[in-house]
Amino acid sequence: RRYVAGGRCKSTARLEGKVVIITGANTGIGKETARDLAQRGKVIIACRDIAKAEAAASEIRAETGNQQVIVKKLDLADTKSIREFAEKFLAEEKELHVLINNAGVMLCPYSKTADGFEMHLGVNHLGHFLLTFLLLERLKQSAPARIVNVSSLAHHGGRIRFHDLHGEKCYNRGLAYCHSKLANVLFTRELARRLQGKFQRQAGFTANALHPGSVYSELVRHSFVMTWLWKIFSFFLKTPCEGAQTSIYCAVAEELDSVTGQYFSDCQPAYVSPRGRDDETAKKLWSVSCELLGIQWD
């Protein structure tokens, strides 16, 4: 059981006066990440389901005594919602120190977002890509700041199929998830490269990705078989609290102040697949993502 639990974040760093956004923090590892960080500073829970998010936030407030656990509506499957969230946040908050792109979907039957993107690509990659773009200047102004992208070991099975990004020619929901998780790794890599320079070295502005581990959570709810297997083998899976440790580590660990463009698992550096280290694919994905979202991000 101790082996399955994996590494734990040992940092006691405080976040007084700092602001953290966590997407999809109403359940699973996102909720446990919020629970931990709420003991350190202000946390904004950004979720599609406001009722569940308010219930989670109320529980965390009662447990931590921190009343600065705030819920904001954010639907990553709708770029209009993402823009509205960013606009309201920028009007209400003058600083942002940590952005944790945690929300995700897995094993969805074929469907598209409000903007016509395949659901895994649209939510797991494009939604967070746009959110990060819209909040980037506020993060820069608040530096030192961190961007944390929750990816997965599943990125090893992914490919960026530029000829069929939205799975209209061929769709497999397991592979679609893998493709989106590879996109998370490539996005992190290219973002870190673009942030490199004098500003980043002085201000400590970093972007890192991570694999949380195999976690017993609601993420597999779209698959009856996976839900059944998860229940049978739950003893060999991490709890949401255990799965949140690497997200917390990437958000607060002092030793990562100047570490960027890396991939972590169990609170330590982990192996990235060759496709996840392909800089040309990362650059092309960045360009294509901007085109799909109608933005210019140089």
Foldseek 3Di string as FASTA:
>chain_A
DVVLLFAFFPDPAAQAPAEEEFEPCLWFLNLLLCLVNLLRYAYEYEYQDQVSQVVSQVVSCVVNVRPRYHYDYADLLDVVRLVVRLVVCVVPDQAHAEYEHDDAAALADFDHGPLRATRRQRRLPLSVVSNCVSCVVRNLVHFVHEYEREAAPLLQLEDCPVVCRRQPPHDDRRRNNNNSSLLSLLLQQVVQVVPDDDSCVVRLHAYEYEHLFFELICNCVNDPVVPVVCVVVVVSHHYSNSSNRLVNLRGGPPVCSNPHSFYYYSSHGDDDHPSSVDNVVSVVSSVVSCVSVVHDDD
